[in-house]
C-alpha atoms as a PDB file:
ATOM      1  CA  MET A   1     -62.249-217.370-151.960  1.00  0.00           C
ATOM      2  CA  ARG A   2     -65.762-218.666-152.466  1.00  0.00           C
ATOM      3  CA  SER A   3     -64.574-222.281-152.207  1.00  0.00           C
ATOM      4  CA  ALA A   4     -62.746-221.538-148.962  1.00  0.00           C
ATOM      5  CA  LEU A   5     -65.837-219.881-147.513  1.00  0.00           C
ATOM      6  CA  LEU A   6     -68.046-222.810-148.513  1.00  0.00           C
ATOM      7  CA  ALA A   7     -65.562-225.270-147.024  1.00  0.00           C
ATOM      8  CA  ALA A   8     -65.444-223.298-143.778  1.00  0.00           C
ATOM      9  CA  LEU A   9     -69.230-223.132-143.560  1.00  0.00           C
ATOM     10  CA  LEU A  10     -69.533-226.854-144.271  1.00  0.00           C
ATOM     11  CA  GLY A  11     -67.014-227.589-141.558  1.00  0.00           C
ATOM     12  CA  LEU A  12     -68.891-225.421-139.093  1.00  0.00           C
ATOM     13  CA  SER A  13     -72.242-226.955-140.029  1.00  0.00           C
ATOM     14  CA  ILE A  14     -71.046-230.379-138.950  1.00  0.00           C
ATOM     15  CA  ALA A  15     -69.742-229.086-135.622  1.00  0.00           C
ATOM     16  CA  GLY A  16     -72.804-230.179-133.680  1.00  0.00           C
ATOM     17  CA  ALA A  17     -72.679-233.609-135.287  1.00  0.00           C
ATOM     18  CA  ALA A  18     -68.989-233.927-134.446  1.00  0.00           C
ATOM     19  CA  VAL A  19     -69.614-233.256-130.786  1.00  0.00           C
ATOM     20  CA  ALA A  20     -72.636-235.546-130.778  1.00  0.00           C
ATOM     21  CA  ALA A  21     -70.543-238.286-132.386  1.00  0.00           C
ATOM     22  CA  GLY A  22     -68.371-238.348-129.279  1.00  0.00           C
ATOM     23  CA  LEU A  23     -65.117-237.156-130.800  1.00  0.00           C
ATOM     24  CA  SER A  24     -62.074-237.082-128.575  1.00  0.00           C
ATOM     25  CA  LEU A  25     -60.988-233.746-127.179  1.00  0.00           C
ATOM     26  CA  LYS A  26     -58.091-233.640-129.644  1.00  0.00           C
ATOM     27  CA  ASP A  27     -60.388-234.359-132.593  1.00  0.00           C
ATOM     28  CA  GLN A  28     -62.922-231.746-131.441  1.00  0.00           C
ATOM     29  CA  MET A  29     -60.183-229.157-131.213  1.00  0.00           C
ATOM     30  CA  LYS A  30     -58.788-230.008-134.642  1.00  0.00           C
ATOM     31  CA  SER A  31     -62.022-230.483-136.585  1.00  0.00           C
ATOM     32  CA  VAL A  32     -64.356-228.004-134.882  1.00  0.00           C
ATOM     33  CA  VAL A  33     -62.638-225.510-132.587  1.00  0.00           C
ATOM     34  CA  GLU A  34     -59.679-224.652-134.809  1.00  0.00           C
ATOM     35  CA  PRO A  35     -61.697-223.785-137.950  1.00  0.00           C
ATOM     36  CA  ALA A  36     -64.454-222.078-135.953  1.00  0.00           C
ATOM     37  CA  SER A  37     -61.935-220.015-133.983  1.00  0.00           C
ATOM     38  CA  ASN A  38     -60.098-218.992-137.140  1.00  0.00           C
ATOM     39  CA  ALA A  39     -63.376-217.906-138.730  1.00  0.00           C
ATOM     40  CA  LEU A  40     -64.479-216.033-135.607  1.00  0.00           C
ATOM     41  CA  PHE A  41     -61.158-214.198-135.264  1.00  0.00           C
ATOM     42  CA  ALA A  42     -61.216-213.216-138.954  1.00  0.00           C
ATOM     43  CA  VAL A  43     -64.791-211.944-138.803  1.00  0.00           C
ATOM     44  CA  GLY A  44     -64.045-210.167-135.532  1.00  0.00           C
ATOM     45  CA  GLY A  45     -61.264-208.276-137.279  1.00  0.00           C
ATOM     46  CA  ASP A  46     -63.498-207.431-140.223  1.00  0.00           C
ATOM     47  CA  VAL A  47     -66.268-205.978-138.071  1.00  0.00           C
ATOM     48  CA  ASP A  48     -64.124-204.261-135.437  1.00  0.00           C
ATOM     49  CA  PRO A  49     -64.864-200.523-135.607  1.00  0.00           C
ATOM     50  CA  ALA A  50     -61.306-199.861-134.429  1.00  0.00           C
ATOM     51  CA  ASN A  51     -60.113-201.267-137.771  1.00  0.00           C
ATOM     52  CA  GLY A  52     -62.150-198.703-139.653  1.00  0.00           C
ATOM     53  CA  PRO A  53     -65.107-200.547-141.168  1.00  0.00           C
ATOM     54  CA  ASP A  54     -68.660-199.565-140.503  1.00  0.00           C
ATOM     55  CA  ALA A  55     -70.176-202.759-139.098  1.00  0.00           C
ATOM     56  CA  ALA A  56     -73.460-201.946-140.827  1.00  0.00           C
ATOM     57  CA  LYS A  57     -71.645-202.209-144.183  1.00  0.00           C
ATOM     58  CA  VAL A  58     -70.230-205.676-143.504  1.00  0.00           C
ATOM     59  CA  ALA A  59     -71.943-208.223-145.743  1.00  0.00           C
ATOM     60  CA  ASP A  60     -74.667-210.367-144.222  1.00  0.00           C
ATOM     61  CA  ALA A  61     -72.771-213.509-145.218  1.00  0.00           C
ATOM     62  CA  ARG A  62     -69.799-212.396-143.130  1.00  0.00           C
ATOM     63  CA  TRP A  63     -71.980-211.824-140.060  1.00  0.00           C
ATOM     64  CA  GLN A  64     -73.551-215.257-140.615  1.00  0.00           C
ATOM     65  CA  GLU A  65     -70.092-216.819-140.809  1.00  0.00           C
ATOM     66  CA  GLY A  66     -69.211-215.244-137.455  1.00  0.00           C
ATOM     67  CA  LEU A  67     -72.489-216.415-135.941  1.00  0.00           C
ATOM     68  CA  LYS A  68     -72.035-220.008-137.148  1.00  0.00           C
ATOM     69  CA  ALA A  69     -68.482-220.022-135.819  1.00  0.00           C
ATOM     70  CA  ALA A  70     -69.611-218.744-132.405  1.00  0.00           C
ATOM     71  CA  GLN A  71     -72.407-221.321-132.320  1.00  0.00           C
ATOM     72  CA  ALA A  72     -69.943-224.123-133.111  1.00  0.00           C
ATOM     73  CA  LEU A  73     -67.702-222.934-130.282  1.00  0.00           C
ATOM     74  CA  THR A  74     -70.661-222.725-127.906  1.00  0.00           C
ATOM     75  CA  THR A  75     -71.562-226.329-128.736  1.00  0.00           C
ATOM     76  CA  VAL A  76     -68.053-227.598-128.072  1.00  0.00           C
ATOM     77  CA  ALA A  77     -67.769-225.487-124.924  1.00  0.00           C
ATOM     78  CA  ALA A  78     -70.860-227.182-123.508  1.00  0.00           C
ATOM     79  CA  ASP A  79     -69.217-230.550-124.110  1.00  0.00           C
ATOM     80  CA  LEU A  80     -65.956-229.389-122.511  1.00  0.00           C
ATOM     81  CA  ASN A  81     -67.873-228.355-119.416  1.00  0.00           C
ATOM     82  CA  ARG A  82     -69.430-231.760-118.801  1.00  0.00           C
ATOM     83  CA  ALA A  83     -68.752-232.856-115.245  1.00  0.00           C
ATOM     84  CA  GLN A  84     -66.960-236.045-116.267  1.00  0.00           C
ATOM     85  CA  ARG A  85     -64.512-234.256-118.602  1.00  0.00           C
ATOM     86  CA  GLU A  86     -61.866-233.002-116.182  1.00  0.00           C
ATOM     87  CA  SER A  87     -61.885-232.269-112.473  1.00  0.00           C
ATOM     88  CA  GLU A  88     -58.820-230.028-112.237  1.00  0.00           C
ATOM     89  CA  PRO A  89     -59.832-226.498-111.137  1.00  0.00           C
ATOM     90  CA  GLU A  90     -57.725-224.801-113.821  1.00  0.00           C
ATOM     91  CA  TRP A  91     -59.422-226.899-116.516  1.00  0.00           C
ATOM     92  CA  ARG A  92     -62.869-226.081-115.187  1.00  0.00           C
ATOM     93  CA  GLN A  93     -61.970-222.366-115.105  1.00  0.00           C
ATOM     94  CA  ALA A  94     -60.638-222.388-118.682  1.00  0.00           C
ATOM     95  CA  ALA A  95     -63.606-224.398-119.988  1.00  0.00           C
ATOM     96  CA  GLY A  96     -66.006-222.058-118.188  1.00  0.00           C
ATOM     97  CA  ASP A  97     -64.290-219.004-119.666  1.00  0.00           C
ATOM     98  CA  PHE A  98     -64.429-220.612-123.107  1.00  0.00           C
ATOM     99  CA  ALA A  99     -68.182-221.228-122.764  1.00  0.00           C
ATOM    100  CA  ARG A 100     -68.883-217.725-121.468  1.00  0.00           C
ATOM    101  CA  LEU A 101     -66.877-215.995-124.202  1.00  0.00           C
ATOM    102  CA  ALA A 102     -68.322-218.170-126.973  1.00  0.00           C
ATOM    103  CA  ALA A 103     -71.803-217.179-125.772  1.00  0.00           C
ATOM    104  CA  VAL A 104     -70.810-213.492-125.709  1.00  0.00           C
ATOM    105  CA  ALA A 105     -69.473-213.809-129.267  1.00  0.00           C
ATOM    106  CA  GLU A 106     -72.693-215.510-130.377  1.00  0.00           C
ATOM    107  CA  THR A 107     -74.815-212.740-128.849  1.00  0.00           C
ATOM    108  CA  ALA A 108     -72.635-210.044-130.428  1.00  0.00           C
ATOM    109  CA  ALA A 109     -72.828-211.691-133.852  1.00  0.00           C
ATOM    110  CA  GLN A 110     -76.612-211.952-133.595  1.00  0.00           C
ATOM    111  CA  ALA A 111     -76.801-208.247-132.676  1.00  0.00           C
ATOM    112  CA  ARG A 112     -74.237-207.277-135.335  1.00  0.00           C
ATOM    113  CA  ASP A 113     -72.175-205.649-132.625  1.00  0.00           C
ATOM    114  CA  GLY A 114     -68.746-205.325-134.214  1.00  0.00           C
ATOM    115  CA  ALA A 115     -66.975-204.039-131.119  1.00  0.00           C
ATOM    116  CA  GLY A 116     -68.561-206.728-128.960  1.00  0.00           C
ATOM    117  CA  LEU A 117     -67.684-209.521-131.385  1.00  0.00           C
ATOM    118  CA  SER A 118     -64.125-208.306-131.744  1.00  0.00           C
ATOM    119  CA  THR A 119     -63.679-208.007-127.982  1.00  0.00           C
ATOM    120  CA  ALA A 120     -65.111-211.491-127.383  1.00  0.00           C
ATOM    121  CA  ALA A 121     -62.930-213.012-130.120  1.00  0.00           C
ATOM    122  CA  ASN A 122     -59.793-211.415-128.684  1.00  0.00           C
ATOM    123  CA  ALA A 123     -60.630-212.516-125.134  1.00  0.00           C
ATOM    124  CA  LEU A 124     -61.369-216.009-126.440  1.00  0.00           C
ATOM    125  CA  ALA A 125     -57.962-216.091-128.138  1.00  0.00           C
ATOM    126  CA  ASP A 126     -56.315-215.191-124.829  1.00  0.00           C
ATOM    127  CA  THR A 127     -58.263-217.932-123.047  1.00  0.00           C
ATOM    128  CA  CYS A 128     -57.315-220.482-125.708  1.00  0.00           C
ATOM    129  CA  THR A 129     -53.641-219.529-125.519  1.00  0.00           C
ATOM    130  CA  ALA A 130     -53.553-219.822-121.725  1.00  0.00           C
ATOM    131  CA  CYS A 131     -55.279-223.204-121.793  1.00  0.00           C
ATOM    132  CA  HIS A 132     -53.059-224.533-124.588  1.00  0.00           C
ATOM    133  CA  THR A 133     -49.966-223.419-122.692  1.00  0.00           C
ATOM    134  CA  LYS A 134     -50.965-225.658-119.810  1.00  0.00           C
ATOM    135  CA  TYR A 135     -52.788-228.559-121.485  1.00  0.00           C
ATOM    136  CA  LYS A 136     -51.832-228.921-125.136  1.00  0.00           C
ATOM    137  CA  PRO A 137     -49.062-231.484-125.606  1.00  0.00           C
ATOM    138  CA  LYS A 138     -45.831-229.990-126.899  1.00  0.00           C
ATOM    139  CA  THR A 139     -44.743-231.554-130.166  1.00  0.00           C
END
């Protein structure tokens, strides 16, 4: 468990460097967005008051994991929203939603708002699914 957490945190810590290194969209999604999203969704479930836990009792490390994940997503979202990325209106809408929801998740994690983080993570999952349905190549 501890090794998995350290690996996840290491992966998230290099997120900014990955974007700065000019990774392709596919590589950003695989190396940054996928692990950060998985971490955010897991933390969102842990801190969701509807699941029973008292958010105040969630360990600080878990909140920090959620915050780092949201920050990684915010960084990638900014890159996805660059003007030269895509001009299709549906892409711009999805990328804008991704950026907005990543920022909401980051704010909720900073405030230790379990309901807010859970809601943002779930809405982000819906946005990701809709975008992948249209843009992710079928294999």
